[in-house]
């Protein structure tokens, strides 16, 4: 169990440092390369839902687009942060 914790902590450290030194591909670019039609379809669904319900929130531009512009290494770092926090809280 100690070896797994050391391994996760070392991966976490490498990811944090690599976020500062390397420019990586974003989540939106990955989604675009995998299946661009579903990305465009999601945008259309969200904008149609906003128009239908008379919301002036512009969810696509203020919420979804910033998420899609997150670098992939930063996304992995966030996920690993939650995993490590869960492991620490579960231990107590």
C-alpha atoms as a PDB file:
ATOM      1  CA  UNK A   1       0.000   0.000   0.000  1.00  0.00           C
ATOM      2  CA  UNK A   2       2.881   2.370   0.763  1.00  0.00           C
ATOM      3  CA  UNK A   3       4.386   1.716  -2.668  1.00  0.00           C
ATOM      4  CA  UNK A   4       1.103   2.681  -4.353  1.00  0.00           C
ATOM      5  CA  UNK A   5       0.913   5.918  -2.349  1.00  0.00           C
ATOM      6  CA  UNK A   6       4.501   6.813  -3.235  1.00  0.00           C
ATOM      7  CA  UNK A   7       3.820   6.015  -6.888  1.00  0.00           C
ATOM      8  CA  UNK A   8       0.670   8.189  -6.962  1.00  0.00           C
ATOM      9  CA  UNK A   9       2.453  11.029  -5.198  1.00  0.00           C
ATOM     10  CA  UNK A  10       5.360  10.891  -7.646  1.00  0.00           C
ATOM     11  CA  UNK A  11       2.999  10.916 -10.639  1.00  0.00           C
ATOM     12  CA  UNK A  12       1.176  13.851  -9.058  1.00  0.00           C
ATOM     13  CA  UNK A  13       4.439  15.773  -8.638  1.00  0.00           C
ATOM     14  CA  UNK A  14       5.485  15.105 -12.226  1.00  0.00           C
ATOM     15  CA  UNK A  15       2.084  16.240 -13.521  1.00  0.00           C
ATOM     16  CA  UNK A  16       2.190  19.474 -11.540  1.00  0.00           C
ATOM     17  CA  UNK A  17       5.665  20.357 -12.803  1.00  0.00           C
ATOM     18  CA  UNK A  18       4.839  19.368 -16.378  1.00  0.00           C
ATOM     19  CA  UNK A  19       1.835  21.716 -16.342  1.00  0.00           C
ATOM     20  CA  UNK A  20       4.218  24.632 -15.869  1.00  0.00           C
ATOM     21  CA  UNK A  21       6.863  23.603 -18.404  1.00  0.00           C
ATOM     22  CA  UNK A  22       4.978  21.940 -21.279  1.00  0.00           C
ATOM     23  CA  UNK A  23       2.173  23.215 -23.471  1.00  0.00           C
ATOM     24  CA  UNK A  24      -0.158  20.293 -24.053  1.00  0.00           C
ATOM     25  CA  UNK A  25      -3.226  19.639 -26.126  1.00  0.00           C
ATOM     26  CA  UNK A  26      -6.565  20.730 -24.650  1.00  0.00           C
ATOM     27  CA  UNK A  27      -9.656  18.663 -23.928  1.00  0.00           C
ATOM     28  CA  UNK A  28     -11.533  20.384 -26.761  1.00  0.00           C
ATOM     29  CA  UNK A  29      -8.787  19.600 -29.276  1.00  0.00           C
ATOM     30  CA  UNK A  30      -8.863  15.938 -28.275  1.00  0.00           C
ATOM     31  CA  UNK A  31     -12.658  15.841 -28.600  1.00  0.00           C
ATOM     32  CA  UNK A  32     -12.378  17.584 -31.977  1.00  0.00           C
ATOM     33  CA  UNK A  33      -9.922  14.974 -33.254  1.00  0.00           C
ATOM     34  CA  UNK A  34     -11.987  12.062 -31.946  1.00  0.00           C
ATOM     35  CA  UNK A  35     -15.451  13.153 -33.131  1.00  0.00           C
ATOM     36  CA  UNK A  36     -16.062  16.772 -34.110  1.00  0.00           C
ATOM     37  CA  UNK A  37     -19.726  16.231 -35.030  1.00  0.00           C
ATOM     38  CA  UNK A  38     -20.654  15.330 -31.447  1.00  0.00           C
ATOM     39  CA  UNK A  39     -18.910  18.483 -30.202  1.00  0.00           C
ATOM     40  CA  UNK A  40     -20.881  20.639 -32.639  1.00  0.00           C
ATOM     41  CA  UNK A  41     -24.056  18.732 -31.771  1.00  0.00           C
ATOM     42  CA  UNK A  42     -23.546  19.354 -28.051  1.00  0.00           C
ATOM     43  CA  UNK A  43     -23.151  23.071 -28.704  1.00  0.00           C
ATOM     44  CA  UNK A  44     -26.343  23.095 -30.769  1.00  0.00           C
ATOM     45  CA  UNK A  45     -28.297  21.224 -28.081  1.00  0.00           C
ATOM     46  CA  UNK A  46     -27.160  23.575 -25.323  1.00  0.00           C
ATOM     47  CA  UNK A  47     -27.869  26.713 -27.322  1.00  0.00           C
ATOM     48  CA  UNK A  48     -31.297  25.405 -28.422  1.00  0.00           C
ATOM     49  CA  UNK A  49     -32.153  24.529 -24.799  1.00  0.00           C
ATOM     50  CA  UNK A  50     -31.178  28.028 -23.657  1.00  0.00           C
ATOM     51  CA  UNK A  51     -33.259  29.643 -26.396  1.00  0.00           C
ATOM     52  CA  UNK A  52     -36.266  27.413 -25.683  1.00  0.00           C
ATOM     53  CA  UNK A  53     -36.219  28.181 -21.953  1.00  0.00           C
ATOM     54  CA  UNK A  54     -35.470  31.897 -22.434  1.00  0.00           C
ATOM     55  CA  UNK A  55     -32.196  31.710 -20.529  1.00  0.00           C
ATOM     56  CA  UNK A  56     -29.641  34.378 -21.237  1.00  0.00           C
ATOM     57  CA  UNK A  57     -26.801  32.543 -19.491  1.00  0.00           C
ATOM     58  CA  UNK A  58     -24.752  31.594 -22.521  1.00  0.00           C
ATOM     59  CA  UNK A  59     -23.738  28.330 -20.868  1.00  0.00           C
ATOM     60  CA  UNK A  60     -21.636  27.281 -23.840  1.00  0.00           C
ATOM     61  CA  UNK A  61     -19.386  30.352 -23.737  1.00  0.00           C
ATOM     62  CA  UNK A  62     -19.095  30.815 -19.972  1.00  0.00           C
ATOM     63  CA  UNK A  63     -19.018  27.207 -18.704  1.00  0.00           C
ATOM     64  CA  UNK A  64     -18.438  24.573 -21.405  1.00  0.00           C
ATOM     65  CA  UNK A  65     -15.856  26.432 -23.525  1.00  0.00           C
ATOM     66  CA  UNK A  66     -13.501  27.173 -20.582  1.00  0.00           C
ATOM     67  CA  UNK A  67     -13.685  23.491 -19.609  1.00  0.00           C
ATOM     68  CA  UNK A  68     -12.802  22.492 -23.183  1.00  0.00           C
ATOM     69  CA  UNK A  69      -9.789  24.835 -23.096  1.00  0.00           C
ATOM     70  CA  UNK A  70      -8.229  23.055 -20.091  1.00  0.00           C
ATOM     71  CA  UNK A  71      -4.926  21.352 -20.982  1.00  0.00           C
ATOM     72  CA  UNK A  72      -5.062  17.557 -20.703  1.00  0.00           C
ATOM     73  CA  UNK A  73      -2.216  17.365 -18.185  1.00  0.00           C
ATOM     74  CA  UNK A  74      -4.028  19.822 -15.927  1.00  0.00           C
ATOM     75  CA  UNK A  75      -7.201  17.715 -16.193  1.00  0.00           C
ATOM     76  CA  UNK A  76      -5.225  14.623 -15.167  1.00  0.00           C
ATOM     77  CA  UNK A  77      -3.769  16.587 -12.254  1.00  0.00           C
ATOM     78  CA  UNK A  78      -7.245  17.573 -11.058  1.00  0.00           C
ATOM     79  CA  UNK A  79      -8.463  13.974 -11.286  1.00  0.00           C
ATOM     80  CA  UNK A  80      -5.403  12.707  -9.416  1.00  0.00           C
ATOM     81  CA  UNK A  81      -5.942  15.384  -6.748  1.00  0.00           C
ATOM     82  CA  UNK A  82      -9.421  14.016  -6.095  1.00  0.00           C
ATOM     83  CA  UNK A  83      -8.111  10.442  -5.978  1.00  0.00           C
ATOM     84  CA  UNK A  84      -5.383  11.350  -3.492  1.00  0.00           C
ATOM     85  CA  UNK A  85      -7.798  13.377  -1.356  1.00  0.00           C
ATOM     86  CA  UNK A  86     -10.229  10.457  -1.317  1.00  0.00           C
ATOM     87  CA  UNK A  87      -7.460   8.065  -0.283  1.00  0.00           C
ATOM     88  CA  UNK A  88      -6.352  10.375   2.530  1.00  0.00           C
ATOM     89  CA  UNK A  89      -9.883  10.959   3.809  1.00  0.00           C
ATOM     90  CA  UNK A  90     -10.705   7.265   3.593  1.00  0.00           C
ATOM     91  CA  UNK A  91      -7.678   6.390   5.664  1.00  0.00           C
ATOM     92  CA  UNK A  92      -8.881   8.474   8.648  1.00  0.00           C
END
